[in-house]
Protein backbone atom coordinates (compact mmCIF):
# COMPACT_ATOMS: atom_id res chain seq x y z
CA MET A 1 135.49 -5.60 54.69
CA PHE A 2 134.25 -2.24 54.06
CA GLY A 3 131.74 -3.14 51.08
CA ASN A 4 128.06 -2.69 51.12
CA LYS A 5 126.43 -4.81 53.61
CA ASN A 6 122.97 -4.88 52.13
CA ALA A 7 124.54 -6.46 49.19
CA THR A 8 125.49 -9.53 51.10
CA ASP A 9 122.56 -9.37 53.64
CA PRO A 10 120.25 -12.12 52.66
CA SER A 11 117.33 -10.74 54.49
CA VAL A 12 117.57 -7.47 52.65
CA ASN A 13 117.73 -9.48 49.18
CA ALA A 14 114.90 -11.32 50.37
CA GLN A 15 112.64 -8.39 50.62
CA LYS A 16 113.94 -7.08 47.50
CA ASN A 17 113.18 -10.09 45.58
CA GLY A 18 109.50 -10.09 46.82
CA THR A 19 109.98 -13.00 48.83
CA MET A 20 108.48 -13.33 52.35
CA ILE A 21 111.12 -13.75 55.38
CA SER A 22 110.11 -16.16 57.97
CA ASN A 23 109.31 -15.24 61.49
CA ARG A 24 110.33 -17.43 64.50
CA ILE A 25 108.97 -17.79 68.22
CA ASN A 26 111.60 -19.95 70.20
CA ASN A 27 111.10 -22.29 73.05
CA GLY A 28 110.76 -20.24 76.17
CA THR A 29 109.13 -17.22 74.53
CA ILE A 30 105.56 -16.47 75.52
CA VAL A 31 103.64 -14.03 73.05
CA GLU A 32 100.18 -12.69 74.26
CA GLY A 33 97.45 -10.80 72.00
CA GLN A 34 96.60 -11.06 68.46
CA MET A 35 99.47 -11.75 66.03
CA ASP A 36 99.56 -11.01 62.34
CA SER A 37 102.07 -12.30 59.87
CA ASP A 38 102.35 -11.74 56.08
CA GLY A 39 105.33 -14.48 55.99
CA ASP A 40 105.84 -18.12 57.06
CA ILE A 41 106.16 -18.40 60.90
CA ARG A 42 107.68 -21.11 63.02
CA ILE A 43 106.64 -21.30 66.50
CA GLU A 44 108.45 -23.32 69.31
CA GLY A 45 107.34 -21.33 71.96
CA MET A 46 103.97 -20.42 73.30
CA VAL A 47 101.25 -17.78 71.77
CA ARG A 48 98.12 -16.88 73.79
CA GLY A 49 95.80 -15.34 71.37
CA THR A 50 94.61 -15.42 67.88
CA LEU A 51 97.33 -16.10 65.03
CA ARG A 52 96.54 -15.01 61.74
CA VAL A 53 99.21 -16.17 59.37
CA LYS A 54 98.98 -15.30 55.37
CA ALA A 55 101.38 -17.97 54.48
CA LYS A 56 102.61 -21.10 56.34
CA LEU A 57 102.50 -21.97 60.05
CA ALA A 58 104.77 -24.32 61.41
CA LEU A 59 104.33 -25.38 64.77
CA GLY A 60 107.04 -27.43 66.56
CA GLN A 61 106.84 -30.32 69.11
CA THR A 62 107.48 -27.69 71.89
CA GLY A 63 105.14 -25.15 70.49
CA ILE A 64 101.74 -24.27 72.07
CA ILE A 65 98.95 -22.10 70.86
CA GLU A 66 96.13 -20.95 73.04
CA GLY A 67 93.74 -19.26 70.70
CA ASP A 68 92.32 -19.39 67.22
CA VAL A 69 94.66 -19.90 64.05
CA ILE A 70 93.73 -18.61 60.71
CA CYS A 71 96.22 -19.36 57.88
CA LYS A 72 96.99 -20.73 54.48
CA ASN A 73 98.80 -23.77 55.19
CA ALA A 74 99.75 -25.36 58.60
CA ASP A 75 102.42 -28.16 59.89
CA ILE A 76 101.31 -29.11 63.25
CA GLU A 77 103.46 -31.02 65.69
CA GLY A 78 102.89 -29.22 68.92
CA ARG A 79 99.48 -28.40 70.73
CA ILE A 80 96.57 -26.06 69.70
CA ILE A 81 93.83 -25.29 72.10
CA GLY A 82 91.40 -23.26 69.80
CA ASP A 83 89.90 -23.65 66.12
CA ILE A 84 92.10 -23.80 63.07
CA GLU A 85 91.10 -22.55 59.64
CA ALA A 86 93.53 -23.35 57.00
CA SER A 87 92.32 -21.96 53.58
CA GLU A 88 94.48 -24.64 51.72
CA LEU A 89 96.23 -27.47 53.50
CA LEU A 90 96.60 -28.63 57.26
CA THR A 91 98.91 -31.27 58.13
CA LEU A 92 98.65 -32.91 61.53
CA LYS A 93 101.99 -34.73 62.44
CA ALA A 94 102.05 -37.90 64.77
CA SER A 95 102.83 -35.65 67.91
CA SER A 96 100.06 -32.96 67.31
CA VAL A 97 97.31 -32.51 69.73
CA VAL A 98 94.42 -30.19 68.59
CA GLU A 99 91.56 -29.25 70.94
CA GLY A 100 89.10 -27.44 68.82
CA ASN A 101 87.34 -27.51 65.52
CA ILE A 102 89.06 -27.72 62.20
CA TYR A 103 88.26 -25.88 58.99
CA THR A 104 90.28 -26.77 55.84
CA ASN A 105 90.13 -27.67 52.22
CA LYS A 106 92.76 -30.54 52.54
CA ILE A 107 93.89 -32.57 55.62
CA VAL A 108 96.82 -34.75 56.29
CA VAL A 109 96.65 -36.79 59.65
CA GLU A 110 99.62 -38.81 60.50
CA ILE A 111 99.15 -41.97 62.69
CA GLY A 112 99.38 -40.80 66.46
CA ALA A 113 97.89 -37.27 65.73
CA ARG A 114 95.12 -36.41 67.98
CA PHE A 115 92.31 -33.87 67.99
CA ASN A 116 89.07 -33.29 69.62
CA GLY A 117 86.44 -31.35 67.67
CA ILE A 118 84.88 -31.30 64.46
CA CYS A 119 86.59 -31.31 61.21
CA ASN A 120 84.84 -29.63 58.43
CA MET A 121 86.07 -29.64 54.74
CA GLY A 122 85.87 -26.09 53.08
CA THR A 123 86.59 -22.85 54.61
CA LYS A 124 84.50 -21.58 57.42
CA ASP A 125 82.74 -18.90 55.62
CA LYS A 126 81.61 -21.49 52.99
CA ILE A 127 80.64 -23.75 55.64
CA GLN A 128 78.64 -21.10 57.59
CA ASN A 129 76.77 -20.11 54.12
CA ALA A 130 75.95 -23.48 53.61
CA GLU A 131 74.46 -23.97 57.37
CA GLN A 132 72.33 -20.84 56.85
CA THR A 133 71.15 -21.93 53.35
CA LEU A 134 70.05 -25.38 54.80
CA ALA A 135 68.44 -23.64 57.66
CA ALA A 136 66.41 -21.46 55.32
CA ILE A 137 65.35 -24.28 53.41
CA GLU A 138 64.37 -26.13 56.54
CA GLN A 139 62.27 -23.19 57.50
CA GLU A 140 60.71 -22.99 54.21
CA ALA A 141 59.75 -26.62 54.28
CA ALA A 142 57.95 -26.09 57.64
CA ILE A 143 55.75 -23.24 56.45
C-alpha cells in the first residue's frame, strides 16, 4: 500500500530494461502534423501528416493516415493515403487500402488487400540511387 510505486509500474520497468513502450492513438482521435516515434505505435484514429516510426507501426481497421509513412515494420489493416517506406517488412492485411507508392524489402499481401501505386522492392534511397545510375548510363550511351 505504501511501497515504492516505481517498483511495480510496468512502464517504468520497461524503460529501465531498455525496451520501447508502445504508443496508441485511439479511434476518435485526430493528430495533425509530423509525428516521430522511437517505439511501436498502434493507430486506430486518424493521422494527417508524415509519420516516422523507428519500430513497428500497426494500423487498425479504423485507422487512417493521410500522409507519408516511414517505418521499420508495418501491419496495415486500415487506410493510408500517401507513400509507405518500410525498411524491413510490410504486411497488408485483407482490410487494408493503400493509395500511394510502396518501398519495402519484404511484403506480405493478404487476399482482399488493395493498393493503388507502384510497389518497389528495396528502400527508397536504394531505388533512387539505382534510377540515377541508370539515367547516367543512358546519357553516356546517347553520347
